[in-house]
Amino acid sequence: RIEEQGGAGKLTEFAALKRFGRPEEIAELLAFCAS
């Protein structure tokens, strides 16, 4: 959110899923990779 105006928000306009990801979504990936 700090970087939302610096490009992070704009990126979502190009995304297939036009929203910010949720922390728990990336957490599941990180945890799986570490498992």
Full PDB file with SEQRES, HELIX, SHEET, SSBOND, CRYST1, ORIGX, SCALE, CONECT and MASTER records, all heavy atoms in Angstrom:
SEQRES   1 A   35  ARG ILE GLU GLU GLN GLY GLY ALA GLY LYS LEU THR GLU          
SEQRES   2 A   35  PHE ALA ALA LEU LYS ARG PHE GLY ARG PRO GLU GLU ILE          
SEQRES   3 A   35  ALA GLU LEU LEU ALA PHE CYS ALA SER                          
HELIX    1 AA1 GLU A    4  GLY A    6  5                                   3    
HELIX    2 AA2 ALA A    8  PHE A   14  1                                   7    
HELIX    3 AA3 PRO A   23  ALA A   34  1                                  12    
CRYST1    1.000    1.000    1.000  90.00  90.00  90.00 P 1           1          
ORIGX1      1.000000  0.000000  0.000000        0.00000                         
ORIGX2      0.000000  1.000000  0.000000        0.00000                         
ORIGX3      0.000000  0.000000  1.000000        0.00000                         
SCALE1      1.000000  0.000000  0.000000        0.00000                         
SCALE2      0.000000  1.000000  0.000000        0.00000                         
SCALE3      0.000000  0.000000  1.000000        0.00000                         
ATOM      1  N   ARG A   1       0.822  -1.216   0.000  1.00  0.00           N  
ATOM      2  CA  ARG A   1       0.000   0.000   0.000  1.00  0.00           C  
ATOM      3  C   ARG A   1       0.856   1.267   0.000  1.00  0.00           C  
ATOM      4  O   ARG A   1       0.466   2.281  -0.586  1.00  0.00           O  
ATOM      5  CB  ARG A   1      -0.946  -0.009   1.205  1.00  0.00           C  
ATOM      6  CG  ARG A   1      -2.046  -1.072   1.091  1.00  0.00           C  
ATOM      7  CD  ARG A   1      -2.891  -0.889  -0.162  1.00  0.00           C  
ATOM      8  NE  ARG A   1      -3.929  -1.917  -0.279  1.00  0.00           N  
ATOM      9  CZ  ARG A   1      -4.798  -1.981  -1.283  1.00  0.00           C  
ATOM     10  NH1 ARG A   1      -4.739  -1.099  -2.268  1.00  0.00           N  
ATOM     11  NH2 ARG A   1      -5.711  -2.946  -1.321  1.00  0.00           N  
ATOM     12  N   ILE A   2       2.034   1.199   0.630  1.00  0.00           N  
ATOM     13  CA  ILE A   2       2.954   2.337   0.578  1.00  0.00           C  
ATOM     14  C   ILE A   2       3.348   2.613  -0.863  1.00  0.00           C  
ATOM     15  O   ILE A   2       3.477   3.765  -1.292  1.00  0.00           O  
ATOM     16  CB  ILE A   2       4.206   2.061   1.437  1.00  0.00           C  
ATOM     17  CG1 ILE A   2       3.855   2.152   2.924  1.00  0.00           C  
ATOM     18  CG2 ILE A   2       5.332   3.039   1.111  1.00  0.00           C  
ATOM     19  CD1 ILE A   2       4.972   1.724   3.847  1.00  0.00           C  
ATOM     20  N   GLU A   3       3.520   1.547  -1.639  1.00  0.00           N  
ATOM     21  CA  GLU A   3       3.957   1.674  -3.029  1.00  0.00           C  
ATOM     22  C   GLU A   3       2.805   1.754  -4.021  1.00  0.00           C  
ATOM     23  O   GLU A   3       3.023   1.756  -5.230  1.00  0.00           O  
ATOM     24  CB  GLU A   3       4.855   0.493  -3.397  1.00  0.00           C  
ATOM     25  CG  GLU A   3       6.151   0.432  -2.599  1.00  0.00           C  
ATOM     26  CD  GLU A   3       7.024   1.651  -2.795  1.00  0.00           C  
ATOM     27  OE1 GLU A   3       7.026   2.211  -3.920  1.00  0.00           O  
ATOM     28  OE2 GLU A   3       7.706   2.062  -1.834  1.00  0.00           O  
ATOM     29  N   GLU A   4       1.583   1.851  -3.509  1.00  0.00           N  
ATOM     30  CA  GLU A   4       0.413   1.830  -4.396  1.00  0.00           C  
ATOM     31  C   GLU A   4       0.473   2.937  -5.446  1.00  0.00           C  
ATOM     32  O   GLU A   4       0.183   2.721  -6.629  1.00  0.00           O  
ATOM     33  CB  GLU A   4      -0.875   1.951  -3.578  1.00  0.00           C  
ATOM     34  CG  GLU A   4      -2.134   1.812  -4.417  1.00  0.00           C  
ATOM     35  CD  GLU A   4      -3.385   1.702  -3.558  1.00  0.00           C  
ATOM     36  OE1 GLU A   4      -3.280   1.806  -2.316  1.00  0.00           O  
ATOM     37  OE2 GLU A   4      -4.464   1.495  -4.144  1.00  0.00           O  
ATOM     38  N   GLN A   5       0.868   4.153  -5.021  1.00  0.00           N  
ATOM     39  CA  GLN A   5       0.936   5.272  -5.956  1.00  0.00           C  
ATOM     40  C   GLN A   5       2.232   5.270  -6.776  1.00  0.00           C  
ATOM     41  O   GLN A   5       2.348   6.000  -7.763  1.00  0.00           O  
ATOM     42  CB  GLN A   5       0.813   6.598  -5.193  1.00  0.00           C  
ATOM     43  CG  GLN A   5      -0.479   6.737  -4.407  1.00  0.00           C  
ATOM     44  CD  GLN A   5      -1.712   6.549  -5.272  1.00  0.00           C  
ATOM     45  OE1 GLN A   5      -1.799   7.086  -6.377  1.00  0.00           O  
ATOM     46  NE2 GLN A   5      -2.668   5.777  -4.774  1.00  0.00           N  
ATOM     47  N   GLY A   6       3.190   4.436  -6.369  1.00  0.00           N  
ATOM     48  CA  GLY A   6       4.463   4.376  -7.068  1.00  0.00           C  
ATOM     49  C   GLY A   6       4.525   3.296  -8.125  1.00  0.00           C  
ATOM     50  O   GLY A   6       5.582   3.032  -8.686  1.00  0.00           O  
ATOM     51  N   GLY A   7       3.399   2.642  -8.391  1.00  0.00           N  
ATOM     52  CA  GLY A   7       3.369   1.644  -9.449  1.00  0.00           C  
ATOM     53  C   GLY A   7       2.651   0.368  -9.080  1.00  0.00           C  
ATOM     54  O   GLY A   7       2.120  -0.319  -9.953  1.00  0.00           O  
ATOM     55  N   ALA A   8       2.604   0.018  -7.790  1.00  0.00           N  
ATOM     56  CA  ALA A   8       1.973  -1.230  -7.381  1.00  0.00           C  
ATOM     57  C   ALA A   8       0.490  -1.245  -7.735  1.00  0.00           C  
ATOM     58  O   ALA A   8      -0.061  -2.270  -8.153  1.00  0.00           O  
ATOM     59  CB  ALA A   8       2.151  -1.462  -5.884  1.00  0.00           C  
ATOM     60  N   GLY A   9      -0.174  -0.097  -7.574  1.00  0.00           N  
ATOM     61  CA  GLY A   9      -1.589  -0.020  -7.919  1.00  0.00           C  
ATOM     62  C   GLY A   9      -1.818  -0.095  -9.415  1.00  0.00           C  
ATOM     63  O   GLY A   9      -2.727  -0.772  -9.897  1.00  0.00           O  
ATOM     64  N   LYS A  10      -0.962   0.602 -10.174  1.00  0.00           N  
ATOM     65  CA  LYS A  10      -1.080   0.601 -11.633  1.00  0.00           C  
ATOM     66  C   LYS A  10      -0.885  -0.785 -12.213  1.00  0.00           C  
ATOM     67  O   LYS A  10      -1.510  -1.156 -13.210  1.00  0.00           O  
ATOM     68  CB  LYS A  10      -0.054   1.575 -12.221  1.00  0.00           C  
ATOM     69  CG  LYS A  10      -0.203   1.812 -13.725  1.00  0.00           C  
ATOM     70  CD  LYS A  10      -1.476   2.553 -14.055  1.00  0.00           C  
ATOM     71  CE  LYS A  10      -1.582   2.848 -15.552  1.00  0.00           C  
ATOM     72  NZ  LYS A  10      -2.830   3.563 -15.875  1.00  0.00           N  
ATOM     73  N   LEU A  11      -0.005  -1.569 -11.600  1.00  0.00           N  
ATOM     74  CA  LEU A  11       0.249  -2.922 -12.091  1.00  0.00           C  
ATOM     75  C   LEU A  11      -1.019  -3.757 -12.164  1.00  0.00           C  
ATOM     76  O   LEU A  11      -1.180  -4.570 -13.080  1.00  0.00           O  
ATOM     77  CB  LEU A  11       1.269  -3.622 -11.190  1.00  0.00           C  
ATOM     78  CG  LEU A  11       2.743  -3.275 -11.378  1.00  0.00           C  
ATOM     79  CD1 LEU A  11       3.575  -3.967 -10.306  1.00  0.00           C  
ATOM     80  CD2 LEU A  11       3.228  -3.672 -12.770  1.00  0.00           C  
ATOM     81  N   THR A  12      -1.921  -3.565 -11.210  1.00  0.00           N  
ATOM     82  CA  THR A  12      -3.133  -4.380 -11.183  1.00  0.00           C  
ATOM     83  C   THR A  12      -4.033  -4.119 -12.390  1.00  0.00           C  
ATOM     84  O   THR A  12      -4.846  -4.958 -12.745  1.00  0.00           O  
ATOM     85  CB  THR A  12      -3.932  -4.141  -9.892  1.00  0.00           C  
ATOM     86  OG1 THR A  12      -4.337  -2.764  -9.830  1.00  0.00           O  
ATOM     87  CG2 THR A  12      -3.088  -4.460  -8.660  1.00  0.00           C  
ATOM     88  N   GLU A  13      -3.862  -2.961 -13.030  1.00  0.00           N  
ATOM     89  CA  GLU A  13      -4.664  -2.663 -14.219  1.00  0.00           C  
ATOM     90  C   GLU A  13      -4.284  -3.573 -15.383  1.00  0.00           C  
ATOM     91  O   GLU A  13      -5.095  -3.812 -16.285  1.00  0.00           O  
ATOM     92  CB  GLU A  13      -4.484  -1.199 -14.620  1.00  0.00           C  
ATOM     93  CG  GLU A  13      -4.998  -0.214 -13.583  1.00  0.00           C  
ATOM     94  CD  GLU A  13      -4.814   1.227 -14.024  1.00  0.00           C  
ATOM     95  OE1 GLU A  13      -4.592   1.462 -15.235  1.00  0.00           O  
ATOM     96  OE2 GLU A  13      -4.881   2.125 -13.155  1.00  0.00           O  
ATOM     97  N   PHE A  14      -3.043  -4.061 -15.380  1.00  0.00           N  
ATOM     98  CA  PHE A  14      -2.585  -4.947 -16.452  1.00  0.00           C  
ATOM     99  C   PHE A  14      -2.796  -6.412 -16.118  1.00  0.00           C  
ATOM    100  O   PHE A  14      -2.639  -7.282 -16.969  1.00  0.00           O  
ATOM    101  CB  PHE A  14      -1.095  -4.709 -16.727  1.00  0.00           C  
ATOM    102  CG  PHE A  14      -0.768  -3.303 -17.144  1.00  0.00           C  
ATOM    103  CD1 PHE A  14      -0.169  -2.419 -16.259  1.00  0.00           C  
ATOM    104  CD2 PHE A  14      -1.067  -2.850 -18.424  1.00  0.00           C  
ATOM    105  CE1 PHE A  14       0.142  -1.123 -16.646  1.00  0.00           C  
ATOM    106  CE2 PHE A  14      -0.769  -1.542 -18.820  1.00  0.00           C  
ATOM    107  CZ  PHE A  14      -0.162  -0.687 -17.927  1.00  0.00           C  
ATOM    108  N   ALA A  15      -3.122  -6.710 -14.870  1.00  0.00           N  
ATOM    109  CA  ALA A  15      -3.196  -8.091 -14.401  1.00  0.00           C  
ATOM    110  C   ALA A  15      -4.449  -8.792 -14.907  1.00  0.00           C  
ATOM    111  O   ALA A  15      -5.472  -8.170 -15.204  1.00  0.00           O  
ATOM    112  CB  ALA A  15      -3.168  -8.114 -12.875  1.00  0.00           C  
ATOM    113  N   ALA A  16      -4.359 -10.109 -14.999  1.00  0.00           N  
ATOM    114  CA  ALA A  16      -5.540 -10.907 -15.320  1.00  0.00           C  
ATOM    115  C   ALA A  16      -6.535 -10.828 -14.154  1.00  0.00           C  
ATOM    116  O   ALA A  16      -7.743 -10.727 -14.362  1.00  0.00           O  
ATOM    117  CB  ALA A  16      -5.127 -12.349 -15.587  1.00  0.00           C  
ATOM    118  N   LEU A  17      -6.017 -10.874 -12.944  1.00  0.00           N  
ATOM    119  CA  LEU A  17      -6.834 -10.680 -11.746  1.00  0.00           C  
ATOM    120  C   LEU A  17      -6.640  -9.243 -11.288  1.00  0.00           C  
ATOM    121  O   LEU A  17      -5.613  -8.901 -10.729  1.00  0.00           O  
ATOM    122  CB  LEU A  17      -6.395 -11.646 -10.640  1.00  0.00           C  
ATOM    123  CG  LEU A  17      -6.466 -13.133 -10.985  1.00  0.00           C  
ATOM    124  CD1 LEU A  17      -5.889 -13.967  -9.850  1.00  0.00           C  
ATOM    125  CD2 LEU A  17      -7.906 -13.556 -11.293  1.00  0.00           C  
ATOM    126  N   LYS A  18      -7.600  -8.416 -11.551  1.00  0.00           N  
ATOM    127  CA  LYS A  18      -7.425  -6.970 -11.363  1.00  0.00           C  
ATOM    128  C   LYS A  18      -7.677  -6.545  -9.918  1.00  0.00           C  
ATOM    129  O   LYS A  18      -8.627  -5.834  -9.596  1.00  0.00           O  
ATOM    130  CB  LYS A  18      -8.308  -6.209 -12.347  1.00  0.00           C  
ATOM    131  CG  LYS A  18      -7.938  -6.518 -13.799  1.00  0.00           C  
ATOM    132  CD  LYS A  18      -8.662  -5.632 -14.778  1.00  0.00           C  
ATOM    133  CE  LYS A  18      -8.300  -6.017 -16.205  1.00  0.00           C  
ATOM    134  NZ  LYS A  18      -6.858  -5.988 -16.458  1.00  0.00           N  
ATOM    135  N   ARG A  19      -6.785  -6.984  -9.078  1.00  0.00           N  
ATOM    136  CA  ARG A  19      -6.860  -6.669  -7.657  1.00  0.00           C  
ATOM    137  C   ARG A  19      -5.492  -6.904  -7.032  1.00  0.00           C  
ATOM    138  O   ARG A  19      -4.616  -7.535  -7.630  1.00  0.00           O  
ATOM    139  CB  ARG A  19      -7.892  -7.561  -6.955  1.00  0.00           C  
ATOM    140  CG  ARG A  19      -7.551  -9.057  -7.008  1.00  0.00           C  
ATOM    141  CD  ARG A  19      -8.523  -9.870  -6.148  1.00  0.00           C  
ATOM    142  NE  ARG A  19      -8.312 -11.302  -6.256  1.00  0.00           N  
ATOM    143  CZ  ARG A  19      -7.408 -12.002  -5.559  1.00  0.00           C  
ATOM    144  NH1 ARG A  19      -6.598 -11.378  -4.698  1.00  0.00           N  
ATOM    145  NH2 ARG A  19      -7.301 -13.318  -5.704  1.00  0.00           N  
ATOM    146  N   PHE A  20      -5.318  -6.405  -5.819  1.00  0.00           N  
ATOM    147  CA  PHE A  20      -4.141  -6.740  -5.033  1.00  0.00           C  
ATOM    148  C   PHE A  20      -4.267  -8.180  -4.548  1.00  0.00           C  
ATOM    149  O   PHE A  20      -5.368  -8.644  -4.222  1.00  0.00           O  
ATOM    150  CB  PHE A  20      -4.025  -5.813  -3.818  1.00  0.00           C  
ATOM    151  CG  PHE A  20      -3.293  -4.529  -4.095  1.00  0.00           C  
ATOM    152  CD1 PHE A  20      -3.840  -3.556  -4.927  1.00  0.00           C  
ATOM    153  CD2 PHE A  20      -2.052  -4.295  -3.512  1.00  0.00           C  
ATOM    154  CE1 PHE A  20      -3.162  -2.374  -5.178  1.00  0.00           C  
ATOM    155  CE2 PHE A  20      -1.364  -3.103  -3.757  1.00  0.00           C  
ATOM    156  CZ  PHE A  20      -1.919  -2.144  -4.597  1.00  0.00           C  
ATOM    157  N   GLY A  21      -3.168  -8.880  -4.490  1.00  0.00           N  
ATOM    158  CA  GLY A  21      -3.181 -10.201  -3.892  1.00  0.00           C  
ATOM    159  C   GLY A  21      -3.329 -10.093  -2.389  1.00  0.00           C  
ATOM    160  O   GLY A  21      -3.011  -9.068  -1.786  1.00  0.00           O  
ATOM    161  N   ARG A  22      -3.841 -11.144  -1.775  1.00  0.00           N  
ATOM    162  CA  ARG A  22      -3.993 -11.178  -0.322  1.00  0.00           C  
ATOM    163  C   ARG A  22      -2.755 -11.836   0.303  1.00  0.00           C  
ATOM    164  O   ARG A  22      -2.205 -12.787  -0.262  1.00  0.00           O  
ATOM    165  CB  ARG A  22      -5.263 -11.939   0.055  1.00  0.00           C  
ATOM    166  CG  ARG A  22      -6.547 -11.243  -0.413  1.00  0.00           C  
ATOM    167  CD  ARG A  22      -7.781 -11.982   0.068  1.00  0.00           C  
ATOM    168  NE  ARG A  22      -7.974 -13.243  -0.639  1.00  0.00           N  
ATOM    169  CZ  ARG A  22      -8.636 -13.367  -1.788  1.00  0.00           C  
ATOM    170  NH1 ARG A  22      -9.153 -12.300  -2.384  1.00  0.00           N  
ATOM    171  NH2 ARG A  22      -8.771 -14.549  -2.357  1.00  0.00           N  
ATOM    172  N   PRO A  23      -2.320 -11.346   1.447  1.00  0.00           N  
ATOM    173  CA  PRO A  23      -1.128 -11.907   2.078  1.00  0.00           C  
ATOM    174  C   PRO A  23      -1.181 -13.416   2.253  1.00  0.00           C  
ATOM    175  O   PRO A  23      -0.182 -14.116   2.062  1.00  0.00           O  
ATOM    176  CB  PRO A  23      -1.069 -11.200   3.436  1.00  0.00           C  
ATOM    177  CG  PRO A  23      -1.768  -9.900   3.206  1.00  0.00           C  
ATOM    178  CD  PRO A  23      -2.866 -10.206   2.217  1.00  0.00           C  
ATOM    179  N   GLU A  24      -2.364 -13.933   2.589  1.00  0.00           N  
ATOM    180  CA  GLU A  24      -2.477 -15.373   2.800  1.00  0.00           C  
ATOM    181  C   GLU A  24      -2.288 -16.160   1.502  1.00  0.00           C  
ATOM    182  O   GLU A  24      -1.904 -17.344   1.537  1.00  0.00           O  
ATOM    183  CB  GLU A  24      -3.820 -15.736   3.455  1.00  0.00           C  
ATOM    184  CG  GLU A  24      -5.046 -15.287   2.684  1.00  0.00           C  
ATOM    185  CD  GLU A  24      -5.551 -13.915   3.076  1.00  0.00           C  
ATOM    186  OE1 GLU A  24      -4.749 -13.086   3.575  1.00  0.00           O  
ATOM    187  OE2 GLU A  24      -6.765 -13.665   2.878  1.00  0.00           O  
ATOM    188  N   GLU A  25      -2.531 -15.513   0.353  1.00  0.00           N  
ATOM    189  CA  GLU A  25      -2.339 -16.208  -0.920  1.00  0.00           C  
ATOM    190  C   GLU A  25      -0.861 -16.423  -1.218  1.00  0.00           C  
ATOM    191  O   GLU A  25      -0.438 -17.516  -1.625  1.00  0.00           O  
ATOM    192  CB  GLU A  25      -3.008 -15.416  -2.049  1.00  0.00           C  
ATOM    193  CG  GLU A  25      -4.524 -15.411  -1.938  1.00  0.00           C  
ATOM    194  CD  GLU A  25      -5.200 -14.488  -2.942  1.00  0.00           C  
ATOM    195  OE1 GLU A  25      -4.659 -13.392  -3.221  1.00  0.00           O  
ATOM    196  OE2 GLU A  25      -6.287 -14.850  -3.442  1.00  0.00           O  
ATOM    197  N   ILE A  26      -0.041 -15.399  -1.027  1.00  0.00           N  
ATOM    198  CA  ILE A  26       1.399 -15.562  -1.238  1.00  0.00           C  
ATOM    199  C   ILE A  26       1.990 -16.416  -0.127  1.00  0.00           C  
ATOM    200  O   ILE A  26       2.947 -17.181  -0.342  1.00  0.00           O  
ATOM    201  CB  ILE A  26       2.108 -14.191  -1.344  1.00  0.00           C  
ATOM    202  CG1 ILE A  26       3.541 -14.357  -1.854  1.00  0.00           C  
ATOM    203  CG2 ILE A  26       2.088 -13.452  -0.034  1.00  0.00           C  
ATOM    204  CD1 ILE A  26       3.654 -14.774  -3.293  1.00  0.00           C  
ATOM    205  N   ALA A  27       1.414 -16.331   1.077  1.00  0.00           N  
ATOM    206  CA  ALA A  27       1.909 -17.125   2.202  1.00  0.00           C  
ATOM    207  C   ALA A  27       1.805 -18.617   1.917  1.00  0.00           C  
ATOM    208  O   ALA A  27       2.707 -19.394   2.246  1.00  0.00           O  
ATOM    209  CB  ALA A  27       1.141 -16.773   3.477  1.00  0.00           C  
ATOM    210  N   GLU A  28       0.711 -19.023   1.305  1.00  0.00           N  
ATOM    211  CA  GLU A  28       0.543 -20.447   0.980  1.00  0.00           C  
ATOM    212  C   GLU A  28       1.621 -20.914   0.004  1.00  0.00           C  
ATOM    213  O   GLU A  28       2.144 -22.031   0.130  1.00  0.00           O  
ATOM    214  CB  GLU A  28      -0.848 -20.696   0.394  1.00  0.00           C  
ATOM    215  CG  GLU A  28      -1.992 -20.547   1.377  1.00  0.00           C  
ATOM    216  CD  GLU A  28      -2.052 -21.681   2.400  1.00  0.00           C  
ATOM    217  OE1 GLU A  28      -1.321 -22.689   2.238  1.00  0.00           O  
ATOM    218  OE2 GLU A  28      -2.828 -21.558   3.364  1.00  0.00           O  
ATOM    219  N   LEU A  29       1.963 -20.061  -0.964  1.00  0.00           N  
ATOM    220  CA  LEU A  29       3.010 -20.420  -1.922  1.00  0.00           C  
ATOM    221  C   LEU A  29       4.375 -20.490  -1.239  1.00  0.00           C  
ATOM    222  O   LEU A  29       5.140 -21.440  -1.438  1.00  0.00           O  
ATOM    223  CB  LEU A  29       3.046 -19.406  -3.063  1.00  0.00           C  
ATOM    224  CG  LEU A  29       4.183 -19.592  -4.081  1.00  0.00           C  
ATOM    225  CD1 LEU A  29       4.114 -20.970  -4.735  1.00  0.00           C  
ATOM    226  CD2 LEU A  29       4.142 -18.487  -5.137  1.00  0.00           C  
ATOM    227  N   LEU A  30       4.686 -19.496  -0.427  1.00  0.00           N  
ATOM    228  CA  LEU A  30       5.972 -19.475   0.263  1.00  0.00           C  
ATOM    229  C   LEU A  30       6.106 -20.683   1.189  1.00  0.00           C  
ATOM    230  O   LEU A  30       7.167 -21.325   1.247  1.00  0.00           O  
ATOM    231  CB  LEU A  30       6.126 -18.178   1.052  1.00  0.00           C  
ATOM    232  CG  LEU A  30       6.265 -16.906   0.211  1.00  0.00           C  
ATOM    233  CD1 LEU A  30       6.139 -15.667   1.097  1.00  0.00           C  
ATOM    234  CD2 LEU A  30       7.582 -16.873  -0.540  1.00  0.00           C  
ATOM    235  N   ALA A  31       5.043 -20.979   1.920  1.00  0.00           N  
ATOM    236  CA  ALA A  31       5.075 -22.117   2.834  1.00  0.00           C  
ATOM    237  C   ALA A  31       5.236 -23.430   2.077  1.00  0.00           C  
ATOM    238  O   ALA A  31       5.979 -24.323   2.515  1.00  0.00           O  
ATOM    239  CB  ALA A  31       3.805 -22.140   3.678  1.00  0.00           C  
ATOM    240  N   PHE A  32       4.558 -23.557   0.955  1.00  0.00           N  
ATOM    241  CA  PHE A  32       4.693 -24.775   0.148  1.00  0.00           C  
ATOM    242  C   PHE A  32       6.116 -24.936  -0.360  1.00  0.00           C  
ATOM    243  O   PHE A  32       6.706 -26.018  -0.265  1.00  0.00           O  
ATOM    244  CB  PHE A  32       3.721 -24.739  -1.034  1.00  0.00           C  
ATOM    245  CG  PHE A  32       3.920 -25.879  -2.008  1.00  0.00           C  
ATOM    246  CD1 PHE A  32       3.501 -27.157  -1.682  1.00  0.00           C  
ATOM    247  CD2 PHE A  32       4.548 -25.662  -3.225  1.00  0.00           C  
ATOM    248  CE1 PHE A  32       3.698 -28.219  -2.566  1.00  0.00           C  
ATOM    249  CE2 PHE A  32       4.756 -26.711  -4.111  1.00  0.00           C  
ATOM    250  CZ  PHE A  32       4.328 -27.999  -3.785  1.00  0.00           C  
ATOM    251  N   CYS A  33       6.694 -23.856  -0.879  1.00  0.00           N  
ATOM    252  CA  CYS A  33       8.056 -23.922  -1.408  1.00  0.00           C  
ATOM    253  C   CYS A  33       9.057 -24.291  -0.317  1.00  0.00           C  
ATOM    254  O   CYS A  33      10.064 -24.959  -0.576  1.00  0.00           O  
ATOM    255  CB  CYS A  33       8.448 -22.582  -2.035  1.00  0.00           C  
ATOM    256  SG  CYS A  33       7.615 -22.218  -3.589  1.00  0.00           S  
ATOM    257  N   ALA A  34       8.786 -23.844   0.910  1.00  0.00           N  
ATOM    258  CA  ALA A  34       9.673 -24.137   2.027  1.00  0.00           C  
ATOM    259  C   ALA A  34       9.439 -25.518   2.622  1.00  0.00           C  
ATOM    260  O   ALA A  34      10.274 -26.006   3.389  1.00  0.00           O  
ATOM    261  CB  ALA A  34       9.500 -23.081   3.116  1.00  0.00           C  
ATOM    262  N   SER A  35       8.334 -26.148   2.265  1.00  0.00           N  
ATOM    263  CA  SER A  35       7.998 -27.449   2.828  1.00  0.00           C  
ATOM    264  C   SER A  35       8.797 -28.560   2.142  1.00  0.00           C  
ATOM    265  O   SER A  35       9.517 -28.333   1.164  1.00  0.00           O  
ATOM    266  CB  SER A  35       6.495 -27.724   2.664  1.00  0.00           C  
ATOM    267  OG  SER A  35       6.196 -28.084   1.319  1.00  0.00           O  
TER     268      SER A  35                                                      
MASTER        0    0    0    3    0    0    0    6  267    1    0    3          
END                                                                             
